[in-house]
Amino acid sequence: MRKSLLVLMLTFIFTIMCAAVALAYNPGQRTIKLLGQTLNSDKHPVHLVVTQTIDMREVLTREAYAKLTTAQQKRTNRTEYNEANGINAERITTTDGDGKVIKDVVSFCRDGYWYSIDYAHKSYDRVPELPGMSVAFAETMITWFNNRPEAGNDVATGYDYDKMTKGESNLKFYYEKDTENWKGYEASYLPMFHVVEVSNVVDEAAFALPPADFKQVADPAMRNYANRLLERANRK
């Protein structure tokens, strides 16, 4: 009799524990905490490194892919964010399948200017800073929460996720199952960004002005974006 009661009690406790784990995180709860605390550079410095590997066969036609060399068939983007004192730097380094650097660009606002520095080609450009030019990582993501998040588990990876949807696009934040251990994020159909490092110690070198031997060369993408911001400000 005593043994039966013990088995019954253990079964009851196990059931309660499973239910507690299942209810431990509400949809979006982990991501809101992540963006509002860990990645909130208004509260403390933020250092974040993520990587993304792109298989070019997934973005090109079969004919275009066939023309690529082996090195060109895959690209890996390493993005490093350093955010502190109201400014942030975003550095993107792209390597090919052989590990050769084919892009190395950092952008940030400093002393009233928005800089774009191309380390691969030893050049830079700058334009006067405008509101909206430099947006912290967490701020670019929090707008997705205008819609109610969904929670689930990805069978392929085993990760839990919070999913936000905006029109036909979606954004997923992945976590180690039943924990707050952030593993990465995925935007719509793009490959997943994997978290390499998160800390509150920034790399001050990320905000360094271009070396003296770098030449100023107009960056069309940067200037077009600046013009769009200026036009938007003038319409208000």
Protein backbone atom coordinates (compact mmCIF):
# COMPACT_ATOMS: atom_id res chain seq x y z
CA MET A 1 0.00 0.00 0.00
CA ARG A 2 2.76 2.38 0.99
CA LYS A 3 4.64 1.54 -2.23
CA SER A 4 1.55 2.25 -4.34
CA LEU A 5 1.08 5.62 -2.64
CA LEU A 6 4.74 6.47 -3.27
CA VAL A 7 4.43 5.62 -6.97
CA LEU A 8 1.24 7.68 -7.18
CA MET A 9 2.89 10.67 -5.50
CA LEU A 10 5.96 10.48 -7.74
CA THR A 11 3.72 10.29 -10.82
CA PHE A 12 1.76 13.31 -9.60
CA ILE A 13 4.93 15.33 -8.93
CA PHE A 14 6.36 14.42 -12.35
CA THR A 15 3.15 15.53 -14.04
CA ILE A 16 3.22 18.86 -12.20
CA MET A 17 6.87 19.40 -13.15
CA CYS A 18 6.16 18.71 -16.83
CA ALA A 19 3.27 21.15 -16.76
CA ALA A 20 5.44 23.76 -15.06
CA VAL A 21 8.12 23.40 -17.74
CA ALA A 22 5.53 23.68 -20.49
CA LEU A 23 4.18 26.88 -18.95
CA ALA A 24 7.60 28.29 -18.00
CA TYR A 25 7.76 30.63 -20.98
CA ASN A 26 4.82 32.40 -22.54
CA PRO A 27 5.02 33.18 -26.28
CA GLY A 28 7.46 36.03 -26.80
CA GLN A 29 8.47 36.18 -23.14
CA ARG A 30 12.09 35.13 -23.67
CA THR A 31 12.54 37.44 -26.65
CA ILE A 32 11.04 40.47 -24.93
CA LYS A 33 13.43 39.90 -22.01
CA LEU A 34 16.35 39.42 -24.41
CA LEU A 35 15.65 42.64 -26.33
CA GLY A 36 14.62 44.66 -23.29
CA GLN A 37 17.51 43.66 -21.06
CA THR A 38 20.44 41.72 -22.54
CA LEU A 39 20.50 43.59 -25.87
CA ASN A 40 19.23 46.94 -24.61
CA SER A 41 22.13 49.34 -25.11
CA ASP A 42 20.20 52.09 -23.29
CA LYS A 43 20.85 50.14 -20.08
CA HIS A 44 24.42 48.92 -20.65
CA PRO A 45 26.98 48.41 -23.45
CA VAL A 46 26.18 45.60 -25.89
CA HIS A 47 28.60 43.45 -27.84
CA LEU A 48 26.97 40.94 -30.21
CA VAL A 49 28.47 38.71 -32.88
CA VAL A 50 26.39 36.56 -35.24
CA THR A 51 27.25 34.53 -38.33
CA GLN A 52 25.18 33.45 -41.31
CA THR A 53 26.19 31.03 -44.07
CA ILE A 54 24.46 31.33 -47.43
CA ASP A 55 24.42 28.51 -49.97
CA MET A 56 24.22 30.38 -53.28
CA ARG A 57 22.21 27.60 -54.92
CA GLU A 58 19.31 28.74 -52.74
CA VAL A 59 19.37 32.32 -54.09
CA LEU A 60 20.48 31.88 -57.72
CA THR A 61 19.03 30.11 -60.73
CA ARG A 62 20.55 26.75 -61.65
CA GLU A 63 22.28 28.30 -64.65
CA ALA A 64 23.78 31.17 -62.62
CA TYR A 65 24.90 28.81 -59.85
CA ALA A 66 26.65 26.52 -62.38
CA LYS A 67 28.88 29.43 -63.45
CA LEU A 68 30.26 29.98 -59.94
CA THR A 69 33.63 28.70 -58.82
CA THR A 70 33.72 26.37 -55.82
CA ALA A 71 34.80 29.27 -53.59
CA GLN A 72 31.85 31.38 -54.75
CA GLN A 73 29.22 28.73 -53.99
CA LYS A 74 29.05 29.64 -50.30
CA ARG A 75 29.34 32.89 -48.40
CA THR A 76 29.59 33.46 -44.68
CA ASN A 77 28.63 36.80 -43.15
CA ARG A 78 30.00 37.71 -39.75
CA THR A 79 28.16 40.69 -38.24
CA GLU A 80 29.49 42.40 -35.12
CA TYR A 81 27.47 44.99 -33.20
CA ASN A 82 29.06 47.27 -30.62
CA GLU A 83 26.66 49.66 -28.90
CA ALA A 84 27.41 52.14 -26.12
CA ASN A 85 26.70 55.73 -25.06
CA GLY A 86 23.95 56.17 -27.61
CA ILE A 87 26.01 55.15 -30.64
CA ASN A 88 26.47 51.81 -32.32
CA ALA A 89 28.79 50.30 -34.89
CA GLU A 90 27.86 47.49 -37.25
CA ARG A 91 30.69 45.64 -38.97
CA ILE A 92 29.97 43.04 -41.64
CA THR A 93 32.74 40.75 -42.85
CA THR A 94 31.97 38.38 -45.72
CA THR A 95 34.16 35.42 -46.65
CA ASP A 96 33.86 33.00 -49.55
CA GLY A 97 34.01 29.22 -49.44
CA ASP A 98 37.82 29.32 -49.27
CA GLY A 99 37.81 31.73 -46.34
CA LYS A 100 38.92 34.71 -48.43
CA VAL A 101 37.55 38.08 -47.24
CA ILE A 102 35.49 39.66 -50.02
CA LYS A 103 33.79 42.36 -47.93
CA ASP A 104 34.71 44.13 -44.69
CA VAL A 105 32.64 47.22 -43.95
CA VAL A 106 31.79 49.04 -40.72
CA SER A 107 29.28 51.87 -40.30
CA PHE A 108 28.58 54.13 -37.33
CA CYS A 109 27.67 57.70 -36.36
CA ARG A 110 30.23 59.85 -34.60
CA ASP A 111 30.76 63.58 -34.02
CA GLY A 112 27.82 64.55 -36.21
CA TYR A 113 28.70 62.33 -39.18
CA TRP A 114 27.69 58.89 -40.40
CA TYR A 115 30.75 56.92 -41.51
CA SER A 116 31.03 53.89 -43.77
CA ILE A 117 34.54 52.42 -43.80
CA ASP A 118 35.56 49.75 -46.31
CA TYR A 119 38.61 47.96 -44.93
CA ALA A 120 38.86 45.58 -47.89
CA HIS A 121 39.36 48.47 -50.34
CA LYS A 122 40.91 51.02 -47.98
CA SER A 123 38.23 53.62 -48.56
CA TYR A 124 35.50 55.43 -46.63
CA ASP A 125 32.60 57.79 -47.03
CA ARG A 126 30.76 60.07 -44.63
CA VAL A 127 27.63 62.20 -44.68
CA PRO A 128 26.09 64.48 -42.04
CA GLU A 129 24.21 62.48 -39.43
CA LEU A 130 20.41 62.42 -39.64
CA PRO A 131 17.85 60.93 -37.22
CA GLY A 132 17.30 57.26 -37.98
CA MET A 133 20.70 56.64 -39.52
CA SER A 134 21.99 54.63 -36.59
CA VAL A 135 19.54 52.24 -34.95
CA ALA A 136 20.46 49.82 -32.17
CA PHE A 137 19.98 46.10 -32.84
CA ALA A 138 17.16 45.67 -30.31
CA GLU A 139 15.26 48.63 -31.77
CA THR A 140 15.27 47.09 -35.25
CA MET A 141 13.62 43.96 -33.83
CA ILE A 142 11.12 45.26 -31.27
CA THR A 143 8.75 46.63 -33.95
CA TRP A 144 7.85 43.05 -34.85
CA PHE A 145 5.97 42.80 -31.55
CA ASN A 146 3.07 44.85 -32.90
CA ASN A 147 1.57 41.42 -33.55
CA ARG A 148 1.12 38.63 -31.01
CA PRO A 149 4.10 36.22 -30.91
CA GLU A 150 3.71 32.48 -31.33
CA ALA A 151 5.78 29.83 -29.55
CA GLY A 152 6.87 26.42 -30.77
CA ASN A 153 9.67 23.92 -31.17
CA ASP A 154 11.68 23.33 -34.34
CA VAL A 155 11.96 19.59 -34.97
CA ALA A 156 15.02 19.91 -37.23
CA THR A 157 17.18 21.76 -34.68
CA GLY A 158 15.43 20.87 -31.42
CA TYR A 159 15.33 24.57 -30.53
CA ASP A 160 12.34 26.36 -29.04
CA TYR A 161 11.33 29.52 -30.85
CA ASP A 162 9.33 32.72 -30.59
CA LYS A 163 7.79 33.63 -33.94
CA MET A 164 6.59 37.09 -34.97
CA THR A 165 4.69 37.71 -38.22
CA LYS A 166 4.39 40.93 -40.23
CA GLY A 167 2.39 40.57 -43.43
CA GLU A 168 3.98 37.73 -45.39
CA SER A 169 7.26 38.00 -43.48
CA ASN A 170 8.19 36.36 -40.21
CA LEU A 171 10.97 36.51 -37.65
CA LYS A 172 11.99 33.67 -35.33
CA PHE A 173 14.20 33.82 -32.27
CA TYR A 174 15.62 30.41 -31.32
CA TYR A 175 16.47 29.13 -27.84
CA GLU A 176 17.92 25.96 -26.40
CA LYS A 177 14.93 23.84 -25.42
CA ASP A 178 13.28 24.88 -22.12
CA THR A 179 15.94 27.55 -21.43
CA GLU A 180 16.68 31.22 -22.11
CA ASN A 181 19.92 30.31 -23.89
CA TRP A 182 19.61 32.31 -27.13
CA LYS A 183 20.92 30.41 -30.15
CA GLY A 184 20.07 32.72 -33.06
CA TYR A 185 17.37 34.24 -35.23
CA GLU A 186 15.91 33.79 -38.68
CA ALA A 187 14.15 36.33 -40.90
CA SER A 188 11.63 34.93 -43.38
CA TYR A 189 13.41 32.70 -45.89
CA LEU A 190 16.96 33.80 -45.17
CA PRO A 191 19.38 31.35 -43.51
CA MET A 192 19.58 31.45 -39.72
CA PHE A 193 21.91 33.86 -37.93
CA HIS A 194 23.84 31.91 -35.28
CA VAL A 195 24.90 33.64 -32.07
CA VAL A 196 28.67 33.52 -31.55
CA GLU A 197 29.07 35.94 -28.65
CA VAL A 198 26.99 38.20 -26.42
CA SER A 199 28.49 40.40 -23.71
CA ASN A 200 28.42 43.90 -22.23
CA VAL A 201 32.04 44.67 -23.15
CA VAL A 202 32.30 46.61 -26.41
CA ASP A 203 35.27 46.83 -28.75
CA GLU A 204 36.15 50.53 -28.75
CA ALA A 205 38.16 50.03 -31.96
CA ALA A 206 34.84 49.56 -33.76
CA PHE A 207 34.29 53.33 -33.54
CA ALA A 208 37.72 54.28 -34.89
CA LEU A 209 37.84 56.88 -37.66
CA PRO A 210 39.29 55.77 -41.02
CA PRO A 211 43.10 55.56 -41.20
CA ALA A 212 44.89 58.48 -42.85
CA ASP A 213 45.78 56.49 -45.99
CA PHE A 214 42.13 55.58 -46.73
CA LYS A 215 40.57 57.54 -49.62
CA GLN A 216 37.09 59.03 -49.47
CA VAL A 217 34.92 57.41 -52.14
CA ALA A 218 31.18 57.99 -52.49
CA ASP A 219 29.11 55.08 -51.19
CA PRO A 220 25.92 55.11 -53.35
CA ALA A 221 23.87 52.93 -50.99
CA MET A 222 24.78 55.06 -47.99
CA ARG A 223 24.02 58.34 -49.75
CA ASN A 224 20.74 57.09 -51.22
CA TYR A 225 19.61 56.06 -47.75
CA ALA A 226 20.62 59.46 -46.36
CA ASN A 227 18.63 61.19 -49.11
CA ARG A 228 15.54 59.09 -48.29
CA LEU A 229 15.82 60.05 -44.62
CA LEU A 230 16.21 63.71 -45.56
CA GLU A 231 13.15 63.59 -47.84
CA ARG A 232 11.13 61.91 -45.10
CA ALA A 233 12.17 64.60 -42.59
CA ASN A 234 11.24 67.39 -45.02
CA ARG A 235 7.74 65.97 -45.51
CA LYS A 236 6.97 66.21 -41.80
